[in-house]
Amino acid sequence: MVYFNAENNLYSAATTDLNELVTGSDKLASDCNLLVYFDVMSNPVIYKIAKGKKEVLKTFDPDIDSSDPDNMLSVFQTMIALSPSDEYATVFWGHGDGPIIANGTNSLDLDIADNEANSYGADYNSNNENKSSNATWIDIPQLASVMKQLPKQEFIFFDACCMQSVEVAYELRNCTKYLIGATCETPSFGAPYSTTTRLFGISDAETAAKAILDDYQNNSTWKIWQEDYKINNVCMSVIKTENIEELLTATSNALQTISGTTPLELTTTFNSDEHDATSCIYYFKTNGYRYGYPILYDMNDVMLHNLTAENYSVWRNAFDKVVIYHPNTGDIRDTGNCDWFGGDSYSTFGKNLPTMSIKNFRSFYLSDETYGGVSFFMPRSEYASQTYPNMNTRMYDYEWCQKVGWKDLGW
């Protein structure tokens, strides 16, 4: 099942990807049914796609809000009723901010007054490509409440920005066996569905998840951008949810071993290392712009820089059982110069970085040691004034943050 929440400024890219799904369905295994919920600048439609053709199974008239949890549940239940199966998997296509909840961290500058959380969406509710004051999002706990009422998914693939965080994964741990997604911003053209679609039919979920990630990173469109902009690939990973409780316990125990201030402020900056890095890897900033504060850090890199070697080894053993695949993409740089790719909050420049940017902005070298491919939120004093609502308190909307021990550390 593919869920296009694209009644927004991504509608054109969504239409292109729908056509790619149709093309790719020619090579999809015959025992794999592909249903697509498609909401752009017209009334939403459910398509059945097979053998290079699409068939309308249902049209929603009047229009519905695709970010509304009740509507989302009804759509999935309808798709399941139209095409019952022994196994299910889902692709969520649209905008994403991962675990971030706040007006102050909204990368798209959409008016979200009617729905404060901006984790996944957004539906303009206007069938108009211009942004709407009624744009709505669904937050991750709401999304999880929807998915818990459906059969457990073989995998969930977020073709959306910033969704591969440990908080998101923990909320969805009982909803899916595997999660595929990116820690960072992703390009609007998304996955290369003309080749990815056939991979949905792989019978083993773990093999399918890894193949989908590889296909995304080998996207021919990426090759053009890499050549023209000297960029590397999107930072992605595959999470196996089965062992995530062990990672929660290991993380909680590890945090308790760190000495420091109360409340505990984890170390994220340091003197320039051999790779010209001065900060732990981060993927997003408050307010979604260059001069904001980093807010989604690479979980592994932070733990590496805050734990003793012995404690890190114990923690990393639990991490590796959950984050089972995170191919290293090379350098990433926070430059503010790559406008097409969310340049004010994150860029993926390669080695040919302008000298001025090296001097003025932090840079990251993704080594196998530092890069974990999963982000996490950690409370920091500056968020009290730099996020609205205050993410230091709003983080407790997430079960992970409730259980991992931030309150015991002074937050």
Protein backbone atom coordinates (compact mmCIF):
# COMPACT_ATOMS: atom_id res chain seq x y z
CA MET A 1 0.00 0.00 0.00
CA VAL A 2 1.30 3.43 -0.95
CA TYR A 3 -0.11 6.51 0.79
CA PHE A 4 0.43 9.78 -1.09
CA ASN A 5 -0.26 12.74 1.23
CA ALA A 6 0.50 15.21 -1.57
CA GLU A 7 -2.20 17.85 -1.59
CA ASN A 8 0.63 20.33 -1.13
CA ASN A 9 3.61 21.75 -3.00
CA LEU A 10 4.83 18.22 -3.83
CA TYR A 11 1.84 17.39 -6.03
CA SER A 12 3.82 17.48 -9.28
CA ALA A 13 6.53 15.15 -7.94
CA ALA A 14 3.81 12.85 -6.62
CA THR A 15 2.27 12.61 -10.08
CA THR A 16 5.65 11.70 -11.54
CA ASP A 17 6.14 9.01 -8.90
CA LEU A 18 2.66 7.62 -9.52
CA ASN A 19 3.57 7.19 -13.18
CA GLU A 20 6.82 5.51 -12.12
CA LEU A 21 4.83 3.07 -9.98
CA VAL A 22 2.73 2.20 -13.02
CA THR A 23 5.87 1.65 -15.12
CA GLY A 24 7.52 -0.42 -12.39
CA SER A 25 4.47 -2.61 -11.86
CA ASP A 26 5.31 -4.44 -15.09
CA LYS A 27 8.04 -6.28 -13.16
CA LEU A 28 6.16 -6.74 -9.90
CA ALA A 29 5.56 -10.34 -8.85
CA SER A 30 2.08 -11.54 -9.79
CA ASP A 31 1.28 -12.53 -6.20
CA CYS A 32 1.95 -8.98 -4.95
CA ASN A 33 -0.99 -6.56 -5.15
CA LEU A 34 -0.23 -2.84 -5.29
CA LEU A 35 -2.86 -0.36 -4.09
CA VAL A 36 -2.21 3.38 -4.04
CA TYR A 37 -4.06 6.11 -2.19
CA PHE A 38 -3.38 9.28 -4.17
CA ASP A 39 -4.29 12.74 -2.88
CA VAL A 40 -3.02 15.72 -4.87
CA MET A 41 -4.93 18.77 -6.17
CA SER A 42 -8.15 16.88 -6.79
CA ASN A 43 -10.40 14.47 -4.94
CA PRO A 44 -8.38 11.52 -3.60
CA VAL A 45 -8.41 8.21 -5.45
CA ILE A 46 -7.51 4.62 -4.65
CA TYR A 47 -5.82 2.92 -7.58
CA LYS A 48 -5.01 -0.69 -8.20
CA ILE A 49 -1.78 -0.81 -10.20
CA ALA A 50 -0.68 -3.89 -12.10
CA LYS A 51 1.09 -4.82 -15.33
CA GLY A 52 1.75 -1.24 -16.36
CA LYS A 53 -1.82 -0.02 -15.87
CA LYS A 54 -3.81 1.71 -13.13
CA GLU A 55 -7.47 1.15 -12.33
CA VAL A 56 -9.62 3.44 -10.17
CA LEU A 57 -11.17 1.43 -7.34
CA LYS A 58 -12.59 4.32 -5.33
CA THR A 59 -12.89 8.11 -5.57
CA PHE A 60 -13.45 10.20 -2.44
CA ASP A 61 -16.11 12.82 -3.05
CA PRO A 62 -16.14 15.22 -1.30
CA ASP A 63 -12.43 15.69 -0.64
CA ILE A 64 -11.03 14.36 2.65
CA ASP A 65 -8.15 15.46 4.86
CA SER A 66 -5.37 12.90 4.35
CA SER A 67 -3.64 13.95 7.59
CA ASP A 68 -6.69 13.21 9.72
CA PRO A 69 -6.13 9.95 11.65
CA ASP A 70 -9.73 8.76 11.28
CA ASN A 71 -9.61 9.33 7.54
CA MET A 72 -6.24 7.62 7.29
CA LEU A 73 -7.51 4.57 9.15
CA SER A 74 -10.59 4.40 6.93
CA VAL A 75 -8.43 4.61 3.78
CA PHE A 76 -6.20 1.75 4.90
CA GLN A 77 -9.16 -0.37 5.96
CA THR A 78 -10.74 0.25 2.56
CA MET A 79 -7.57 -0.79 0.72
CA ILE A 80 -7.29 -3.94 2.83
CA ALA A 81 -10.94 -4.81 2.15
CA LEU A 82 -10.42 -4.25 -1.59
CA SER A 83 -7.35 -6.48 -1.66
CA PRO A 84 -7.06 -8.88 1.31
CA SER A 85 -3.62 -10.39 1.82
CA ASP A 86 -1.61 -12.55 4.19
CA GLU A 87 1.04 -9.83 4.47
CA TYR A 88 1.09 -6.05 4.12
CA ALA A 89 3.65 -3.28 3.72
CA THR A 90 3.23 0.48 3.49
CA VAL A 91 4.97 3.42 1.83
CA PHE A 92 4.25 6.87 3.31
CA TRP A 93 4.96 9.56 0.72
CA GLY A 94 4.93 13.29 1.56
CA HIS A 95 6.57 15.86 3.82
CA GLY A 96 8.17 14.88 7.12
CA ASP A 97 9.92 16.41 10.11
CA GLY A 98 10.43 13.17 12.04
CA PRO A 99 9.85 13.58 15.79
CA ILE A 100 9.76 17.38 15.66
CA ILE A 101 6.63 19.00 17.06
CA ALA A 102 6.51 22.79 16.88
CA ASN A 103 5.76 25.85 14.82
CA GLY A 104 9.36 26.91 15.39
CA THR A 105 10.82 23.87 13.67
CA ASN A 106 8.57 23.81 10.64
CA SER A 107 10.86 23.57 7.62
CA LEU A 108 8.13 24.42 5.11
CA ASP A 109 6.82 27.61 6.74
CA LEU A 110 3.29 26.31 6.34
CA ASP A 111 0.61 27.74 8.57
CA ILE A 112 -0.17 24.85 10.88
CA ALA A 113 -2.50 26.61 13.28
CA ASP A 114 -5.14 23.89 12.88
CA ASN A 115 -2.72 21.09 13.64
CA GLU A 116 0.31 22.06 15.70
CA ALA A 117 2.27 18.87 15.17
CA ASN A 118 4.11 18.69 11.87
CA SER A 119 5.57 15.22 11.73
CA TYR A 120 4.02 13.87 8.50
CA GLY A 121 1.80 15.59 5.93
CA ALA A 122 0.73 18.08 4.86
CA ASP A 123 -2.76 18.37 3.43
CA TYR A 124 -3.60 21.89 2.26
CA ASN A 125 -7.31 21.02 2.28
CA SER A 126 -7.87 23.39 -0.62
CA ASN A 127 -7.00 21.52 -3.84
CA ASN A 128 -4.84 24.54 -4.54
CA GLU A 129 -1.08 24.47 -5.01
CA ASN A 130 -0.69 27.63 -2.92
CA LYS A 131 -0.22 27.03 0.78
CA SER A 132 -3.35 27.09 2.89
CA SER A 133 -4.06 28.32 6.40
CA ASN A 134 -5.80 24.99 6.90
CA ALA A 135 -2.75 22.82 6.19
CA THR A 136 -2.81 19.80 8.49
CA TRP A 137 -0.26 17.26 9.64
CA ILE A 138 -0.42 14.05 11.63
CA ASP A 139 1.98 13.52 14.49
CA ILE A 140 3.75 10.21 15.03
CA PRO A 141 1.78 9.00 18.08
CA GLN A 142 -1.42 9.56 16.06
CA LEU A 143 0.09 7.76 13.08
CA ALA A 144 1.06 4.86 15.32
CA SER A 145 -2.47 4.69 16.72
CA VAL A 146 -3.74 4.25 13.17
CA MET A 147 -1.23 1.57 12.23
CA LYS A 148 -1.83 -0.41 15.44
CA GLN A 149 -5.38 -1.06 14.23
CA LEU A 150 -4.12 -2.70 11.04
CA PRO A 151 -2.27 -5.98 10.48
CA LYS A 152 1.40 -5.69 11.43
CA GLN A 153 3.35 -4.48 8.40
CA GLU A 154 6.30 -6.33 6.92
CA PHE A 155 7.94 -2.94 6.44
CA ILE A 156 7.09 0.74 6.47
CA PHE A 157 9.03 2.94 4.06
CA PHE A 158 8.94 6.68 4.69
CA ASP A 159 9.62 8.46 1.42
CA ALA A 160 9.70 11.74 3.35
CA CYS A 161 12.24 13.91 5.12
CA CYS A 162 13.80 13.21 8.53
CA MET A 163 11.61 10.25 9.55
CA GLN A 164 14.34 7.79 10.54
CA SER A 165 14.59 8.67 14.23
CA VAL A 166 14.62 6.38 17.23
CA GLU A 167 11.54 8.14 18.65
CA VAL A 168 9.56 7.41 15.48
CA ALA A 169 10.80 3.81 15.39
CA TYR A 170 9.82 3.19 18.98
CA GLU A 171 6.30 4.53 18.45
CA LEU A 172 5.90 2.17 15.49
CA ARG A 173 7.62 -0.85 17.04
CA ASN A 174 4.40 -2.85 17.30
CA CYS A 175 3.17 -1.78 13.87
CA THR A 176 5.95 -3.02 11.59
CA LYS A 177 8.87 -5.42 11.47
CA TYR A 178 11.19 -3.02 9.61
CA LEU A 179 11.44 0.72 9.00
CA ILE A 180 13.16 2.25 5.97
CA GLY A 181 13.83 5.97 5.90
CA ALA A 182 16.17 8.94 5.88
CA THR A 183 17.53 10.90 8.83
CA CYS A 184 17.88 14.03 6.70
CA GLU A 185 15.93 16.00 4.14
CA THR A 186 15.19 14.09 0.95
CA PRO A 187 14.72 15.33 -2.62
CA SER A 188 11.19 15.87 -3.91
CA PHE A 189 11.62 13.28 -6.66
CA GLY A 190 11.78 10.55 -4.04
CA ALA A 191 12.46 6.91 -4.75
CA PRO A 192 12.98 5.67 -8.33
CA TYR A 193 9.71 3.74 -8.37
CA SER A 194 10.16 2.52 -11.93
CA THR A 195 12.81 0.19 -10.45
CA THR A 196 11.82 0.16 -6.76
CA THR A 197 8.31 -1.19 -7.35
CA ARG A 198 9.45 -4.69 -8.27
CA LEU A 199 11.28 -4.89 -4.91
CA PHE A 200 7.97 -4.68 -3.03
CA GLY A 201 7.38 -8.26 -4.11
CA ILE A 202 10.47 -9.74 -2.41
CA SER A 203 9.11 -12.30 0.04
CA ASP A 204 11.66 -11.75 2.81
CA ALA A 205 10.98 -8.38 4.49
CA GLU A 206 14.55 -7.71 5.57
CA THR A 207 15.92 -8.44 2.11
CA ALA A 208 13.23 -6.21 0.59
CA ALA A 209 14.00 -3.35 2.99
CA LYS A 210 17.71 -3.38 2.23
CA ALA A 211 17.07 -3.62 -1.50
CA ILE A 212 14.68 -0.64 -1.42
CA LEU A 213 17.31 1.46 0.38
CA ASP A 214 20.01 0.45 -2.11
CA ASP A 215 17.76 1.25 -5.05
CA TYR A 216 17.02 4.68 -3.61
CA GLN A 217 20.69 5.50 -3.22
CA ASN A 218 21.52 4.19 -6.70
CA ASN A 219 18.83 6.39 -8.25
CA SER A 220 20.00 7.62 -11.66
CA THR A 221 18.57 11.08 -10.89
CA TRP A 222 20.89 11.21 -7.91
CA LYS A 223 23.84 10.54 -10.18
CA ILE A 224 23.02 13.73 -12.10
CA TRP A 225 22.80 15.80 -8.92
CA GLN A 226 26.01 14.25 -7.61
CA GLU A 227 27.81 15.30 -10.78
CA ASP A 228 26.32 18.81 -11.01
CA TYR A 229 26.36 19.76 -7.32
CA LYS A 230 29.19 17.56 -6.03
CA ILE A 231 26.86 16.04 -3.46
CA ASN A 232 26.75 12.65 -1.84
CA ASN A 233 23.70 10.53 -1.10
CA VAL A 234 20.81 10.74 1.33
CA CYS A 235 21.60 9.32 4.78
CA MET A 236 19.31 6.29 5.14
CA SER A 237 19.03 3.14 7.20
CA VAL A 238 16.94 0.05 7.90
CA ILE A 239 15.65 -0.47 11.44
CA LYS A 240 14.58 -3.85 12.81
CA THR A 241 12.01 -3.10 15.49
CA GLU A 242 12.15 -6.52 17.15
CA ASN A 243 15.08 -5.58 19.41
CA ILE A 244 14.30 -1.93 20.08
CA GLU A 245 13.37 -2.52 23.74
CA GLU A 246 16.92 -3.75 24.30
CA LEU A 247 18.25 -0.53 22.73
CA LEU A 248 15.98 1.54 24.98
CA THR A 249 17.36 -0.19 28.07
CA ALA A 250 20.95 0.11 26.84
CA THR A 251 20.50 3.82 26.09
CA SER A 252 18.90 4.51 29.46
CA ASN A 253 21.71 2.69 31.26
CA ALA A 254 24.35 4.46 29.19
CA LEU A 255 22.94 7.94 29.87
CA GLN A 256 23.08 7.27 33.60
CA THR A 257 26.85 6.74 33.36
CA ILE A 258 27.54 10.22 31.95
CA SER A 259 28.66 12.80 34.49
CA GLY A 260 27.94 16.47 33.96
CA THR A 261 25.55 19.26 34.74
CA THR A 262 22.00 18.91 36.01
CA PRO A 263 20.06 18.84 33.81
CA LEU A 264 22.50 16.79 31.76
CA GLU A 265 23.74 18.51 28.60
CA LEU A 266 25.39 16.00 26.27
CA THR A 267 28.58 17.05 24.46
CA THR A 268 28.06 17.79 20.78
CA THR A 269 30.97 20.06 19.81
CA PHE A 270 34.72 19.59 20.00
CA ASN A 271 37.97 20.79 18.50
CA SER A 272 38.40 20.13 14.79
CA ASP A 273 39.37 16.50 14.22
CA GLU A 274 41.36 14.90 11.43
CA HIS A 275 38.34 15.09 9.15
CA ASP A 276 37.69 18.83 9.80
CA ALA A 277 34.63 17.94 11.90
CA THR A 278 33.80 20.20 14.85
CA SER A 279 30.43 18.78 15.82
CA CYS A 280 28.55 15.56 16.17
CA ILE A 281 26.59 14.83 13.00
CA TYR A 282 23.22 16.53 12.88
CA TYR A 283 20.47 16.49 10.29
CA PHE A 284 18.09 19.34 11.07
CA LYS A 285 17.96 22.71 12.84
CA THR A 286 15.38 24.66 14.80
CA ASN A 287 13.33 26.90 12.55
CA GLY A 288 14.68 24.92 9.59
CA TYR A 289 17.36 27.46 8.72
CA ARG A 290 21.11 27.99 8.80
CA TYR A 291 21.29 30.05 12.00
CA GLY A 292 19.01 27.83 14.04
CA TYR A 293 20.22 25.31 16.58
CA PRO A 294 20.89 21.68 15.61
CA ILE A 295 18.00 19.57 16.88
CA LEU A 296 18.19 16.10 15.29
CA TYR A 297 21.60 14.57 15.97
CA ASP A 298 23.04 11.26 14.82
CA MET A 299 22.39 8.98 17.77
CA ASN A 300 25.52 6.89 17.37
CA ASP A 301 27.87 9.88 17.01
CA VAL A 302 26.55 11.53 20.18
CA MET A 303 26.88 8.35 22.22
CA LEU A 304 30.37 7.80 20.82
CA HIS A 305 31.47 11.25 22.02
CA ASN A 306 29.84 11.01 25.45
CA LEU A 307 30.48 7.46 26.67
CA THR A 308 33.63 5.72 27.82
CA ALA A 309 34.98 3.17 25.36
CA GLU A 310 33.72 0.32 27.53
CA ASN A 311 30.22 1.74 27.96
CA TYR A 312 30.01 2.67 24.29
CA SER A 313 30.89 -0.89 23.27
CA VAL A 314 28.03 -2.26 25.38
CA TRP A 315 25.59 0.31 23.98
CA ARG A 316 26.74 -0.18 20.38
CA ASN A 317 26.06 -3.90 20.61
CA ALA A 318 22.38 -3.15 21.30
CA PHE A 319 22.31 -0.45 18.60
CA ASP A 320 23.60 -2.83 15.92
CA LYS A 321 20.77 -5.27 16.62
CA VAL A 322 18.27 -2.55 15.74
CA VAL A 323 19.96 -0.46 13.04
CA ILE A 324 20.83 -3.39 10.84
CA TYR A 325 21.79 -1.52 7.67
CA HIS A 326 23.16 2.01 7.28
CA PRO A 327 25.53 2.30 4.34
CA ASN A 328 28.03 5.11 4.72
CA THR A 329 27.42 7.98 2.27
CA GLY A 330 30.68 9.90 2.79
CA ASP A 331 30.97 13.62 3.62
CA ILE A 332 28.00 15.77 4.54
CA ARG A 333 28.28 19.51 5.05
CA ASP A 334 26.00 22.11 6.60
CA THR A 335 26.60 24.97 4.19
CA GLY A 336 23.41 26.85 3.39
CA ASN A 337 24.48 26.93 -0.28
CA CYS A 338 22.43 24.10 -1.74
CA ASP A 339 19.03 25.71 -2.17
CA TRP A 340 17.36 22.82 -4.00
CA PHE A 341 18.02 20.50 -1.07
CA GLY A 342 16.87 22.36 2.02
CA GLY A 343 20.14 24.26 2.08
CA ASP A 344 19.29 26.35 5.10
CA SER A 345 18.97 23.32 7.32
CA TYR A 346 21.03 20.55 5.78
CA SER A 347 23.14 19.87 2.68
CA THR A 348 25.07 16.90 1.34
CA PHE A 349 27.99 18.52 -0.39
CA GLY A 350 30.85 16.22 -1.23
CA LYS A 351 34.56 16.90 -1.09
CA ASN A 352 34.49 19.92 -3.45
CA LEU A 353 33.15 22.24 -0.77
CA PRO A 354 33.67 26.00 -1.15
CA THR A 355 36.48 27.18 1.14
CA MET A 356 34.31 29.84 2.77
CA SER A 357 31.77 27.23 3.77
CA ILE A 358 34.45 25.11 5.41
CA LYS A 359 35.43 28.13 7.52
CA ASN A 360 31.96 29.29 8.44
CA PHE A 361 29.91 26.14 8.87
CA ARG A 362 30.37 22.84 10.59
CA SER A 363 31.25 19.86 8.46
CA PHE A 364 30.88 16.15 9.02
CA TYR A 365 32.89 13.25 7.74
CA LEU A 366 30.78 10.12 7.86
CA SER A 367 33.08 7.36 8.98
CA ASP A 368 31.91 3.88 9.86
CA GLU A 369 32.71 4.77 13.46
CA THR A 370 30.69 7.99 13.69
CA TYR A 371 27.73 7.47 11.35
CA GLY A 372 24.76 5.57 12.73
CA GLY A 373 22.01 6.47 10.25
CA VAL A 374 19.39 7.16 12.93
CA SER A 375 18.65 10.49 14.56
CA PHE A 376 17.44 11.16 18.07
CA PHE A 377 16.22 14.10 20.08
CA MET A 378 18.08 15.09 23.21
CA PRO A 379 16.92 17.99 25.40
CA ARG A 380 19.09 21.11 25.50
CA SER A 381 18.71 24.39 27.40
CA GLU A 382 18.56 26.51 24.22
CA TYR A 383 15.44 24.71 23.01
CA ALA A 384 13.42 26.36 25.79
CA SER A 385 13.62 29.63 23.87
CA GLN A 386 14.32 28.37 20.35
CA THR A 387 11.43 25.95 19.88
CA TYR A 388 7.75 26.66 20.21
CA PRO A 389 6.18 24.80 21.84
CA ASN A 390 9.22 23.88 23.99
CA MET A 391 10.55 20.56 22.66
CA ASN A 392 12.17 19.87 26.04
CA THR A 393 8.67 19.28 27.38
CA ARG A 394 6.87 18.24 24.19
CA MET A 395 9.34 15.38 23.76
CA TYR A 396 7.37 13.51 26.40
CA ASP A 397 4.66 12.95 23.81
CA TYR A 398 6.95 10.13 22.69
CA GLU A 399 7.14 6.85 24.59
CA TRP A 400 10.88 6.65 24.00
CA CYS A 401 11.46 9.97 25.78
CA GLN A 402 9.17 8.97 28.62
CA LYS A 403 11.06 5.73 29.24
CA VAL A 404 14.71 6.49 28.41
CA GLY A 405 15.32 8.53 31.56
CA TRP A 406 15.51 12.20 30.61
CA LYS A 407 13.52 13.16 33.72
CA ASP A 408 16.01 11.34 35.92
CA LEU A 409 18.74 13.46 34.31
CA GLY A 410 17.05 16.72 35.26
CA TRP A 411 14.72 17.31 32.33
